Amino acid sequence: MDKFETLTGVAAPLPMINVDTDMIIPKQFLKTIKRTGLGKSLFFEMRYDDAGKEAPDFVLNKPAYRAAKILIAGANFGCGSSREHAPWALLDFGIRCVIAPSFADIFYNNSFKNGILPIKLPQEVCDKLMKAADNGANATFTVDLAAQEITMPDGGKAAFEIDSFRRHCLLNGLDDIGLTMQKKAKVDSYESARKAAQPWV
């Protein structure tokens, strides 16, 4: 998993509440077990019309937001089913940080495990960030995980809280496998001792 230290990029505003995981990545794209290739189908039903053409009014289809790295959304983002494909699709598109007043628990946990930083902020702060994100290509934000601080395009700051263990994992690029591999020497030692003591197993 890539480390998350400081992220600077355009923030796309998505002022919708209750964006569920089927909206993020519809069920017909869940057949794959690969984490790549899902970005083109992110928000599929909002990004494309019935003929498969891009909907020009959808935020991620607008030239200023095509390379967005940050998404600012409404409350209860990521509700619905527990599909891990949702953070995979966001990440494959290029989004590494989602800011919202609240998140569904499973989506929130899955985001950390896949290298995405979900930031919870009060509604009034999200409203301020949303307004700043409306500035299109000029809506460049910096998210500093070590300092736990967001810098807005006008230089204004917004502090955020995050669990210290999750912060450590993101800063060091550690998913569940990475955490386990940190104990490799102890695991190898245990396996060797067990094999010697019980060679028939």
N, C-alpha and C. Protein backbone atom coordinates (compact mmCIF):
# COMPACT_ATOMS: atom_id res chain seq x y z
N MET A 1 0.84 -1.19 0.00
CA MET A 1 0.00 0.00 0.00
C MET A 1 0.88 1.24 0.00
N ASP A 2 0.56 2.22 -0.83
CA ASP A 2 1.33 3.45 -0.89
C ASP A 2 1.16 4.25 0.40
N LYS A 3 2.23 4.92 0.81
CA LYS A 3 2.15 5.77 1.99
C LYS A 3 1.27 6.98 1.71
N PHE A 4 0.61 7.46 2.73
CA PHE A 4 -0.14 8.71 2.65
C PHE A 4 0.51 9.67 3.64
N GLU A 5 1.19 10.67 3.09
CA GLU A 5 1.84 11.66 3.94
C GLU A 5 1.21 13.03 3.73
N THR A 6 1.54 13.65 2.60
CA THR A 6 0.94 14.93 2.24
C THR A 6 0.34 14.79 0.84
N LEU A 7 -0.90 15.19 0.70
CA LEU A 7 -1.60 15.10 -0.59
C LEU A 7 -2.01 16.50 -1.02
N THR A 8 -1.57 16.90 -2.21
CA THR A 8 -1.96 18.19 -2.77
C THR A 8 -2.66 17.94 -4.11
N GLY A 9 -3.85 18.48 -4.26
CA GLY A 9 -4.58 18.28 -5.50
C GLY A 9 -5.91 18.99 -5.49
N VAL A 10 -6.57 18.91 -6.63
CA VAL A 10 -7.88 19.53 -6.78
C VAL A 10 -8.92 18.72 -6.01
N ALA A 11 -9.83 19.42 -5.36
CA ALA A 11 -10.92 18.79 -4.62
C ALA A 11 -12.21 18.95 -5.41
N ALA A 12 -12.90 17.85 -5.64
CA ALA A 12 -14.17 17.88 -6.37
C ALA A 12 -15.34 17.92 -5.39
N PRO A 13 -16.28 18.84 -5.58
CA PRO A 13 -17.43 18.92 -4.69
C PRO A 13 -18.56 17.99 -5.14
N LEU A 14 -19.06 17.18 -4.22
CA LEU A 14 -20.20 16.30 -4.50
C LEU A 14 -21.21 16.52 -3.37
N PRO A 15 -22.03 17.57 -3.47
CA PRO A 15 -22.94 17.94 -2.38
C PRO A 15 -24.18 17.07 -2.33
N MET A 16 -23.96 15.78 -2.06
CA MET A 16 -25.06 14.82 -1.96
C MET A 16 -24.94 14.05 -0.66
N ILE A 17 -26.04 13.84 0.01
CA ILE A 17 -26.03 13.01 1.22
C ILE A 17 -26.39 11.57 0.84
N ASN A 18 -26.03 10.65 1.71
CA ASN A 18 -26.39 9.23 1.55
C ASN A 18 -25.92 8.64 0.21
N VAL A 19 -24.71 8.98 -0.19
CA VAL A 19 -24.15 8.37 -1.40
C VAL A 19 -23.76 6.94 -1.03
N ASP A 20 -24.50 5.96 -1.58
CA ASP A 20 -24.25 4.58 -1.19
C ASP A 20 -23.22 3.91 -2.09
N THR A 21 -22.80 2.72 -1.70
CA THR A 21 -21.73 2.04 -2.44
C THR A 21 -22.18 1.60 -3.82
N ASP A 22 -23.49 1.42 -4.04
CA ASP A 22 -23.96 1.08 -5.38
C ASP A 22 -23.87 2.29 -6.31
N MET A 23 -23.97 3.48 -5.76
CA MET A 23 -23.76 4.69 -6.55
C MET A 23 -22.28 4.87 -6.86
N ILE A 24 -21.44 4.52 -5.89
CA ILE A 24 -19.99 4.65 -6.09
C ILE A 24 -19.51 3.67 -7.15
N ILE A 25 -19.92 2.41 -7.05
CA ILE A 25 -19.55 1.40 -8.05
C ILE A 25 -20.72 0.40 -8.16
N PRO A 26 -21.51 0.49 -9.21
CA PRO A 26 -22.69 -0.37 -9.35
C PRO A 26 -22.37 -1.87 -9.37
N LYS A 27 -23.35 -2.65 -9.03
CA LYS A 27 -23.19 -4.09 -8.82
C LYS A 27 -22.64 -4.83 -10.04
N GLN A 28 -22.92 -4.35 -11.25
CA GLN A 28 -22.48 -5.08 -12.45
C GLN A 28 -20.96 -5.06 -12.62
N PHE A 29 -20.27 -4.23 -11.83
CA PHE A 29 -18.81 -4.14 -11.93
C PHE A 29 -18.10 -4.88 -10.80
N LEU A 30 -18.83 -5.70 -10.06
CA LEU A 30 -18.26 -6.36 -8.90
C LEU A 30 -17.71 -7.75 -9.20
N LYS A 31 -17.70 -8.15 -10.45
CA LYS A 31 -17.25 -9.49 -10.81
C LYS A 31 -15.73 -9.64 -10.65
N THR A 32 -15.01 -8.56 -10.81
CA THR A 32 -13.56 -8.62 -10.73
C THR A 32 -13.06 -8.66 -9.29
N ILE A 33 -11.92 -9.30 -9.07
CA ILE A 33 -11.28 -9.27 -7.76
C ILE A 33 -9.99 -8.44 -7.83
N LYS A 34 -9.79 -7.77 -8.98
CA LYS A 34 -8.64 -6.90 -9.14
C LYS A 34 -8.97 -5.51 -8.61
N ARG A 35 -7.97 -4.84 -8.10
CA ARG A 35 -8.18 -3.51 -7.56
C ARG A 35 -8.02 -2.42 -8.61
N THR A 36 -7.64 -2.81 -9.81
CA THR A 36 -7.42 -1.83 -10.87
C THR A 36 -8.50 -1.95 -11.94
N GLY A 37 -8.68 -0.87 -12.69
CA GLY A 37 -9.63 -0.87 -13.80
C GLY A 37 -11.03 -0.42 -13.44
N LEU A 38 -11.28 -0.14 -12.17
CA LEU A 38 -12.63 0.25 -11.73
C LEU A 38 -12.87 1.75 -11.80
N GLY A 39 -11.80 2.51 -11.94
CA GLY A 39 -11.94 3.97 -11.94
C GLY A 39 -12.84 4.49 -13.03
N LYS A 40 -12.82 3.84 -14.19
CA LYS A 40 -13.65 4.31 -15.31
C LYS A 40 -15.13 4.11 -15.05
N SER A 41 -15.45 3.24 -14.09
CA SER A 41 -16.86 2.97 -13.75
C SER A 41 -17.30 3.64 -12.46
N LEU A 42 -16.42 4.43 -11.86
CA LEU A 42 -16.77 5.16 -10.64
C LEU A 42 -17.97 6.07 -10.89
N PHE A 43 -18.96 6.02 -10.02
CA PHE A 43 -20.19 6.82 -10.16
C PHE A 43 -20.81 6.64 -11.55
N PHE A 44 -20.79 5.41 -12.04
CA PHE A 44 -21.17 5.10 -13.41
C PHE A 44 -22.52 5.68 -13.82
N GLU A 45 -23.53 5.49 -12.98
CA GLU A 45 -24.88 5.90 -13.37
C GLU A 45 -25.06 7.41 -13.37
N MET A 46 -24.17 8.14 -12.70
CA MET A 46 -24.21 9.60 -12.73
C MET A 46 -23.26 10.16 -13.79
N ARG A 47 -22.19 9.43 -14.08
CA ARG A 47 -21.19 9.93 -15.03
C ARG A 47 -21.57 9.72 -16.49
N TYR A 48 -22.41 8.71 -16.74
CA TYR A 48 -22.73 8.36 -18.13
C TYR A 48 -24.24 8.32 -18.35
N ASP A 49 -24.66 8.64 -19.59
CA ASP A 49 -26.07 8.54 -19.92
C ASP A 49 -26.39 7.12 -20.41
N ASP A 50 -27.62 6.89 -20.84
CA ASP A 50 -28.04 5.55 -21.25
C ASP A 50 -27.29 5.04 -22.47
N ALA A 51 -26.73 5.96 -23.24
CA ALA A 51 -25.98 5.58 -24.44
C ALA A 51 -24.50 5.36 -24.14
N GLY A 52 -24.12 5.55 -22.87
CA GLY A 52 -22.73 5.36 -22.48
C GLY A 52 -21.86 6.59 -22.68
N LYS A 53 -22.48 7.71 -22.98
CA LYS A 53 -21.73 8.95 -23.17
C LYS A 53 -21.64 9.72 -21.86
N GLU A 54 -20.56 10.46 -21.69
CA GLU A 54 -20.36 11.22 -20.46
C GLU A 54 -21.45 12.26 -20.27
N ALA A 55 -21.93 12.37 -19.05
CA ALA A 55 -22.88 13.43 -18.69
C ALA A 55 -22.08 14.68 -18.36
N PRO A 56 -22.15 15.71 -19.18
CA PRO A 56 -21.28 16.88 -19.00
C PRO A 56 -21.46 17.62 -17.69
N ASP A 57 -22.63 17.47 -17.06
CA ASP A 57 -22.89 18.20 -15.82
C ASP A 57 -22.35 17.51 -14.57
N PHE A 58 -21.95 16.23 -14.70
CA PHE A 58 -21.44 15.54 -13.52
C PHE A 58 -20.04 16.05 -13.20
N VAL A 59 -19.78 16.28 -11.93
CA VAL A 59 -18.57 16.99 -11.51
C VAL A 59 -17.28 16.37 -12.03
N LEU A 60 -17.16 15.04 -11.99
CA LEU A 60 -15.89 14.42 -12.39
C LEU A 60 -15.70 14.39 -13.91
N ASN A 61 -16.73 14.76 -14.66
CA ASN A 61 -16.60 14.88 -16.11
C ASN A 61 -16.21 16.28 -16.55
N LYS A 62 -16.24 17.22 -15.63
CA LYS A 62 -15.86 18.59 -15.95
C LYS A 62 -14.33 18.68 -16.02
N PRO A 63 -13.80 19.40 -17.00
CA PRO A 63 -12.34 19.46 -17.19
C PRO A 63 -11.56 19.78 -15.92
N ALA A 64 -12.09 20.68 -15.11
CA ALA A 64 -11.36 21.11 -13.91
C ALA A 64 -11.20 20.01 -12.87
N TYR A 65 -12.09 18.99 -12.91
CA TYR A 65 -12.09 17.98 -11.86
C TYR A 65 -11.72 16.58 -12.34
N ARG A 66 -11.31 16.45 -13.58
CA ARG A 66 -10.99 15.12 -14.11
C ARG A 66 -9.80 14.47 -13.41
N ALA A 67 -8.94 15.28 -12.85
CA ALA A 67 -7.77 14.75 -12.14
C ALA A 67 -7.88 15.00 -10.64
N ALA A 68 -9.11 15.10 -10.14
CA ALA A 68 -9.31 15.37 -8.71
C ALA A 68 -8.70 14.26 -7.86
N LYS A 69 -8.06 14.66 -6.77
CA LYS A 69 -7.47 13.71 -5.83
C LYS A 69 -8.23 13.67 -4.51
N ILE A 70 -9.12 14.65 -4.33
CA ILE A 70 -9.87 14.79 -3.10
C ILE A 70 -11.35 14.92 -3.46
N LEU A 71 -12.20 14.30 -2.68
CA LEU A 71 -13.64 14.41 -2.88
C LEU A 71 -14.27 14.96 -1.61
N ILE A 72 -15.09 16.00 -1.76
CA ILE A 72 -15.81 16.57 -0.62
C ILE A 72 -17.28 16.24 -0.81
N ALA A 73 -17.83 15.48 0.11
CA ALA A 73 -19.18 14.94 -0.06
C ALA A 73 -20.08 15.27 1.13
N GLY A 74 -21.34 14.85 0.99
CA GLY A 74 -22.32 15.06 2.06
C GLY A 74 -22.27 13.96 3.10
N ALA A 75 -23.16 14.05 4.06
CA ALA A 75 -23.19 13.13 5.19
C ALA A 75 -23.53 11.70 4.78
N ASN A 76 -23.06 10.76 5.59
CA ASN A 76 -23.35 9.33 5.44
C ASN A 76 -22.80 8.78 4.12
N PHE A 77 -21.62 9.22 3.76
CA PHE A 77 -21.00 8.76 2.51
C PHE A 77 -20.59 7.29 2.65
N GLY A 78 -20.85 6.51 1.61
CA GLY A 78 -20.45 5.10 1.60
C GLY A 78 -21.41 4.17 2.30
N CYS A 79 -22.67 4.59 2.46
CA CYS A 79 -23.66 3.71 3.09
C CYS A 79 -24.06 2.60 2.12
N GLY A 80 -24.91 1.71 2.57
CA GLY A 80 -25.34 0.61 1.71
C GLY A 80 -24.53 -0.65 1.96
N SER A 81 -24.33 -1.44 0.90
CA SER A 81 -23.64 -2.72 1.05
C SER A 81 -22.16 -2.52 1.36
N SER A 82 -21.53 -3.59 1.80
CA SER A 82 -20.15 -3.49 2.33
C SER A 82 -19.07 -3.69 1.28
N ARG A 83 -19.39 -3.56 0.00
CA ARG A 83 -18.43 -3.85 -1.06
C ARG A 83 -17.13 -3.06 -0.96
N GLU A 84 -16.02 -3.80 -0.95
CA GLU A 84 -14.70 -3.16 -0.90
C GLU A 84 -14.33 -2.55 -2.25
N HIS A 85 -15.08 -2.90 -3.29
CA HIS A 85 -14.85 -2.32 -4.61
C HIS A 85 -15.05 -0.80 -4.60
N ALA A 86 -15.82 -0.29 -3.64
CA ALA A 86 -16.07 1.16 -3.59
C ALA A 86 -14.77 1.94 -3.37
N PRO A 87 -13.99 1.65 -2.31
CA PRO A 87 -12.70 2.36 -2.20
C PRO A 87 -11.74 2.01 -3.33
N TRP A 88 -11.81 0.79 -3.86
CA TRP A 88 -10.96 0.43 -5.00
C TRP A 88 -11.24 1.35 -6.19
N ALA A 89 -12.51 1.61 -6.46
CA ALA A 89 -12.88 2.45 -7.60
C ALA A 89 -12.42 3.89 -7.39
N LEU A 90 -12.61 4.41 -6.19
CA LEU A 90 -12.14 5.76 -5.89
C LEU A 90 -10.64 5.88 -6.07
N LEU A 91 -9.92 4.91 -5.54
CA LEU A 91 -8.47 4.92 -5.61
C LEU A 91 -7.99 4.79 -7.05
N ASP A 92 -8.63 3.93 -7.83
CA ASP A 92 -8.22 3.74 -9.22
C ASP A 92 -8.47 4.99 -10.05
N PHE A 93 -9.49 5.76 -9.68
CA PHE A 93 -9.74 7.03 -10.36
C PHE A 93 -8.66 8.05 -10.02
N GLY A 94 -8.12 7.94 -8.80
CA GLY A 94 -7.09 8.88 -8.36
C GLY A 94 -7.43 9.61 -7.09
N ILE A 95 -8.59 9.30 -6.50
CA ILE A 95 -9.01 9.96 -5.26
C ILE A 95 -8.42 9.23 -4.06
N ARG A 96 -7.66 9.96 -3.23
CA ARG A 96 -7.02 9.36 -2.06
C ARG A 96 -7.54 9.93 -0.75
N CYS A 97 -8.45 10.89 -0.85
CA CYS A 97 -9.00 11.48 0.37
C CYS A 97 -10.46 11.85 0.12
N VAL A 98 -11.33 11.46 1.04
CA VAL A 98 -12.74 11.85 1.00
C VAL A 98 -13.06 12.58 2.29
N ILE A 99 -13.66 13.75 2.15
CA ILE A 99 -14.01 14.58 3.30
C ILE A 99 -15.53 14.67 3.37
N ALA A 100 -16.10 14.39 4.52
CA ALA A 100 -17.56 14.42 4.69
C ALA A 100 -17.89 14.59 6.17
N PRO A 101 -19.12 14.99 6.47
CA PRO A 101 -19.53 15.10 7.88
C PRO A 101 -19.59 13.75 8.57
N SER A 102 -19.90 12.69 7.81
CA SER A 102 -19.98 11.35 8.40
C SER A 102 -19.86 10.30 7.30
N PHE A 103 -19.49 9.09 7.71
CA PHE A 103 -19.32 7.96 6.80
C PHE A 103 -20.02 6.74 7.36
N ALA A 104 -20.40 5.83 6.47
CA ALA A 104 -20.85 4.52 6.91
C ALA A 104 -19.64 3.77 7.47
N ASP A 105 -19.84 3.02 8.54
CA ASP A 105 -18.72 2.41 9.26
C ASP A 105 -17.88 1.48 8.38
N ILE A 106 -18.52 0.60 7.60
CA ILE A 106 -17.76 -0.37 6.82
C ILE A 106 -16.94 0.32 5.75
N PHE A 107 -17.54 1.28 5.06
CA PHE A 107 -16.79 2.03 4.05
C PHE A 107 -15.62 2.77 4.70
N TYR A 108 -15.86 3.36 5.85
CA TYR A 108 -14.82 4.11 6.57
C TYR A 108 -13.63 3.20 6.88
N ASN A 109 -13.91 2.01 7.40
CA ASN A 109 -12.84 1.07 7.73
C ASN A 109 -12.13 0.56 6.48
N ASN A 110 -12.89 0.25 5.43
CA ASN A 110 -12.29 -0.24 4.19
C ASN A 110 -11.38 0.80 3.54
N SER A 111 -11.73 2.06 3.70
CA SER A 111 -10.92 3.13 3.11
C SER A 111 -9.50 3.11 3.68
N PHE A 112 -9.39 3.05 4.99
CA PHE A 112 -8.07 3.01 5.62
C PHE A 112 -7.26 1.81 5.14
N LYS A 113 -7.92 0.67 5.00
CA LYS A 113 -7.22 -0.55 4.60
C LYS A 113 -6.73 -0.51 3.16
N ASN A 114 -7.24 0.45 2.38
CA ASN A 114 -6.87 0.55 0.98
C ASN A 114 -6.10 1.83 0.65
N GLY A 115 -5.67 2.55 1.67
CA GLY A 115 -4.83 3.71 1.44
C GLY A 115 -5.57 5.00 1.17
N ILE A 116 -6.87 5.03 1.44
CA ILE A 116 -7.66 6.25 1.30
C ILE A 116 -7.88 6.86 2.69
N LEU A 117 -7.73 8.17 2.78
CA LEU A 117 -7.95 8.86 4.05
C LEU A 117 -9.35 9.46 4.08
N PRO A 118 -10.26 8.92 4.90
CA PRO A 118 -11.58 9.53 5.08
C PRO A 118 -11.52 10.49 6.27
N ILE A 119 -11.91 11.71 6.03
CA ILE A 119 -11.84 12.74 7.07
C ILE A 119 -13.24 13.18 7.45
N LYS A 120 -13.55 13.08 8.75
CA LYS A 120 -14.84 13.55 9.27
C LYS A 120 -14.66 14.97 9.82
N LEU A 121 -15.51 15.87 9.36
CA LEU A 121 -15.48 17.25 9.85
C LEU A 121 -16.90 17.73 10.09
N PRO A 122 -17.09 18.69 10.97
CA PRO A 122 -18.44 19.22 11.22
C PRO A 122 -19.06 19.76 9.92
N GLN A 123 -20.38 19.74 9.87
CA GLN A 123 -21.10 20.17 8.67
C GLN A 123 -20.69 21.57 8.22
N GLU A 124 -20.55 22.48 9.18
CA GLU A 124 -20.22 23.86 8.80
C GLU A 124 -18.84 23.97 8.16
N VAL A 125 -17.91 23.13 8.61
CA VAL A 125 -16.57 23.14 8.01
C VAL A 125 -16.62 22.51 6.61
N CYS A 126 -17.37 21.42 6.48
CA CYS A 126 -17.54 20.79 5.16
C CYS A 126 -18.18 21.76 4.17
N ASP A 127 -19.14 22.54 4.65
CA ASP A 127 -19.79 23.53 3.79
C ASP A 127 -18.78 24.55 3.28
N LYS A 128 -17.88 24.95 4.14
CA LYS A 128 -16.85 25.92 3.76
C LYS A 128 -15.90 25.31 2.73
N LEU A 129 -15.51 24.05 2.95
CA LEU A 129 -14.62 23.37 2.00
C LEU A 129 -15.33 23.14 0.67
N MET A 130 -16.62 22.81 0.73
CA MET A 130 -17.41 22.59 -0.48
C MET A 130 -17.46 23.86 -1.33
N LYS A 131 -17.65 24.98 -0.67
CA LYS A 131 -17.70 26.25 -1.37
C LYS A 131 -16.36 26.56 -2.03
N ALA A 132 -15.27 26.27 -1.33
CA ALA A 132 -13.94 26.50 -1.90
C ALA A 132 -13.68 25.56 -3.07
N ALA A 133 -14.22 24.35 -3.00
CA ALA A 133 -14.01 23.38 -4.08
C ALA A 133 -14.75 23.76 -5.35
N ASP A 134 -15.73 24.65 -5.24
CA ASP A 134 -16.47 25.11 -6.41
C ASP A 134 -15.63 25.96 -7.35
N ASN A 135 -14.42 26.29 -6.94
CA ASN A 135 -13.56 27.15 -7.76
C ASN A 135 -12.85 26.40 -8.88
N GLY A 136 -13.27 25.18 -9.16
CA GLY A 136 -12.73 24.44 -10.30
C GLY A 136 -11.25 24.15 -10.18
N ALA A 137 -10.50 24.43 -11.25
CA ALA A 137 -9.07 24.12 -11.29
C ALA A 137 -8.29 24.88 -10.23
N ASN A 138 -8.87 25.93 -9.70
CA ASN A 138 -8.21 26.70 -8.63
C ASN A 138 -8.48 26.12 -7.25
N ALA A 139 -9.27 25.06 -7.19
CA ALA A 139 -9.63 24.46 -5.91
C ALA A 139 -8.58 23.45 -5.46
N THR A 140 -7.35 23.93 -5.29
CA THR A 140 -6.26 23.06 -4.88
C THR A 140 -6.12 23.08 -3.36
N PHE A 141 -6.23 21.90 -2.77
CA PHE A 141 -6.13 21.73 -1.33
C PHE A 141 -4.88 20.92 -1.01
N THR A 142 -4.39 21.06 0.20
CA THR A 142 -3.31 20.20 0.69
C THR A 142 -3.77 19.54 1.98
N VAL A 143 -3.67 18.21 2.00
CA VAL A 143 -4.01 17.44 3.20
C VAL A 143 -2.72 16.90 3.79
N ASP A 144 -2.39 17.36 4.98
CA ASP A 144 -1.17 16.95 5.68
C ASP A 144 -1.58 16.00 6.81
N LEU A 145 -1.32 14.72 6.59
CA LEU A 145 -1.75 13.73 7.59
C LEU A 145 -0.93 13.83 8.87
N ALA A 146 0.36 14.06 8.76
CA ALA A 146 1.20 14.16 9.95
C ALA A 146 0.74 15.31 10.85
N ALA A 147 0.42 16.44 10.23
CA ALA A 147 -0.02 17.61 10.99
C ALA A 147 -1.52 17.58 11.27
N GLN A 148 -2.24 16.64 10.62
CA GLN A 148 -3.69 16.54 10.73
C GLN A 148 -4.36 17.88 10.41
N GLU A 149 -4.03 18.36 9.21
CA GLU A 149 -4.47 19.70 8.82
C GLU A 149 -4.74 19.77 7.32
N ILE A 150 -5.80 20.46 6.96
CA ILE A 150 -6.14 20.72 5.56
C ILE A 150 -5.89 22.19 5.28
N THR A 151 -5.17 22.47 4.20
CA THR A 151 -4.96 23.85 3.77
C THR A 151 -5.83 24.11 2.55
N MET A 152 -6.66 25.12 2.63
CA MET A 152 -7.58 25.46 1.56
C MET A 152 -6.91 26.37 0.53
N PRO A 153 -7.54 26.57 -0.63
CA PRO A 153 -6.94 27.39 -1.68
C PRO A 153 -6.58 28.81 -1.24
N ASP A 154 -7.36 29.38 -0.31
CA ASP A 154 -7.08 30.74 0.15
C ASP A 154 -6.08 30.78 1.30
N GLY A 155 -5.53 29.61 1.65
CA GLY A 155 -4.56 29.56 2.75
C GLY A 155 -5.17 29.25 4.09
N GLY A 156 -6.49 29.22 4.16
CA GLY A 156 -7.15 28.89 5.42
C GLY A 156 -6.88 27.45 5.83
N LYS A 157 -6.97 27.18 7.11
CA LYS A 157 -6.65 25.85 7.66
C LYS A 157 -7.88 25.22 8.31
N ALA A 158 -7.91 23.90 8.24
CA ALA A 158 -8.95 23.14 8.95
C ALA A 158 -8.28 21.92 9.56
N ALA A 159 -8.34 21.82 10.87
CA ALA A 159 -7.74 20.68 11.57
C ALA A 159 -8.72 19.51 11.60
N PHE A 160 -8.18 18.30 11.62
CA PHE A 160 -9.04 17.12 11.72
C PHE A 160 -8.44 16.12 12.69
N GLU A 161 -9.30 15.28 13.24
CA GLU A 161 -8.88 14.23 14.17
C GLU A 161 -8.86 12.89 13.46
N ILE A 162 -7.97 12.02 13.88
CA ILE A 162 -7.89 10.68 13.32
C ILE A 162 -7.28 9.75 14.36
N ASP A 163 -7.74 8.53 14.39
CA ASP A 163 -7.20 7.53 15.31
C ASP A 163 -5.69 7.38 15.09
N SER A 164 -4.92 7.35 16.16
CA SER A 164 -3.46 7.35 16.04
C SER A 164 -2.92 6.10 15.33
N PHE A 165 -3.55 4.95 15.58
CA PHE A 165 -3.09 3.72 14.93
C PHE A 165 -3.35 3.78 13.43
N ARG A 166 -4.53 4.24 13.02
CA ARG A 166 -4.82 4.36 11.60
C ARG A 166 -3.92 5.39 10.93
N ARG A 167 -3.64 6.46 11.64
CA ARG A 167 -2.71 7.48 11.13
C ARG A 167 -1.34 6.87 10.90
N HIS A 168 -0.86 6.08 11.85
CA HIS A 168 0.43 5.41 11.73
C HIS A 168 0.46 4.49 10.51
N CYS A 169 -0.60 3.72 10.33
CA CYS A 169 -0.65 2.78 9.20
C CYS A 169 -0.62 3.51 7.86
N LEU A 170 -1.39 4.57 7.72
CA LEU A 170 -1.39 5.32 6.47
C LEU A 170 -0.05 5.99 6.21
N LEU A 171 0.52 6.60 7.22
CA LEU A 171 1.80 7.28 7.05
C LEU A 171 2.90 6.33 6.62
N ASN A 172 2.78 5.08 7.05
CA ASN A 172 3.81 4.08 6.75
C ASN A 172 3.42 3.09 5.66
N GLY A 173 2.24 3.30 5.06
CA GLY A 173 1.80 2.43 3.98
C GLY A 173 1.54 1.00 4.42
N LEU A 174 0.97 0.82 5.59
CA LEU A 174 0.76 -0.51 6.15
C LEU A 174 -0.71 -0.93 6.08
N ASP A 175 -1.02 -1.92 5.25
CA ASP A 175 -2.33 -2.54 5.29
C ASP A 175 -2.23 -3.75 6.22
N ASP A 176 -3.26 -4.59 6.27
CA ASP A 176 -3.24 -5.74 7.18
C ASP A 176 -2.08 -6.69 6.88
N ILE A 177 -1.78 -6.89 5.61
CA ILE A 177 -0.65 -7.76 5.24
C ILE A 177 0.67 -7.13 5.66
N GLY A 178 0.78 -5.82 5.43
CA GLY A 178 2.01 -5.13 5.82
C GLY A 178 2.25 -5.19 7.32
N LEU A 179 1.19 -5.07 8.10
CA LEU A 179 1.31 -5.17 9.56
C LEU A 179 1.78 -6.57 9.96
N THR A 180 1.24 -7.58 9.29
CA THR A 180 1.65 -8.96 9.58
C THR A 180 3.11 -9.18 9.23
N MET A 181 3.54 -8.63 8.09
CA MET A 181 4.92 -8.83 7.64
C MET A 181 5.93 -8.17 8.57
N GLN A 182 5.48 -7.20 9.36
CA GLN A 182 6.38 -6.62 10.35
C GLN A 182 6.76 -7.64 11.43
N LYS A 183 5.95 -8.68 11.58
CA LYS A 183 6.20 -9.73 12.57
C LYS A 183 6.79 -10.99 11.91
N LYS A 184 7.32 -10.84 10.70
CA LYS A 184 7.79 -12.00 9.94
C LYS A 184 8.83 -12.83 10.70
N ALA A 185 9.76 -12.17 11.34
CA ALA A 185 10.82 -12.90 12.06
C ALA A 185 10.21 -13.77 13.16
N LYS A 186 9.25 -13.22 13.89
CA LYS A 186 8.61 -13.99 14.96
C LYS A 186 7.77 -15.13 14.40
N VAL A 187 7.09 -14.88 13.30
CA VAL A 187 6.29 -15.93 12.66
C VAL A 187 7.19 -17.07 12.18
N ASP A 188 8.29 -16.70 11.53
CA ASP A 188 9.24 -17.71 11.03
C ASP A 188 9.83 -18.52 12.18
N SER A 189 10.16 -17.84 13.28
CA SER A 189 10.73 -18.52 14.44
C SER A 189 9.73 -19.51 15.02
N TYR A 190 8.47 -19.09 15.13
CA TYR A 190 7.42 -19.96 15.65
C TYR A 190 7.23 -21.17 14.75
N GLU A 191 7.18 -20.93 13.44
CA GLU A 191 6.96 -22.04 12.50
C GLU A 191 8.12 -23.04 12.55
N SER A 192 9.35 -22.56 12.68
CA SER A 192 10.50 -23.45 12.75
C SER A 192 10.47 -24.29 14.02
N ALA A 193 10.15 -23.63 15.16
CA ALA A 193 10.08 -24.36 16.42
C ALA A 193 8.94 -25.38 16.40
N ARG A 194 7.82 -25.03 15.83
CA ARG A 194 6.68 -25.96 15.76
C ARG A 194 7.00 -27.14 14.86
N LYS A 195 7.68 -26.89 13.76
CA LYS A 195 8.05 -27.97 12.85
C LYS A 195 9.01 -28.95 13.51
N ALA A 196 9.94 -28.39 14.31
CA ALA A 196 10.91 -29.25 15.00
C ALA A 196 10.22 -30.09 16.09
N ALA A 197 9.26 -29.48 16.77
CA ALA A 197 8.59 -30.17 17.88
C ALA A 197 7.51 -31.15 17.37
N GLN A 198 6.90 -30.82 16.25
CA GLN A 198 5.83 -31.65 15.69
C GLN A 198 6.05 -31.86 14.18
N PRO A 199 7.06 -32.60 13.82
CA PRO A 199 7.39 -32.79 12.39
C PRO A 199 6.32 -33.52 11.60
N TRP A 200 5.41 -34.19 12.29
CA TRP A 200 4.36 -34.93 11.59
C TRP A 200 3.19 -34.03 11.15
N VAL A 201 3.16 -32.79 11.64
CA VAL A 201 2.05 -31.89 11.31
C VAL A 201 2.28 -31.28 9.94
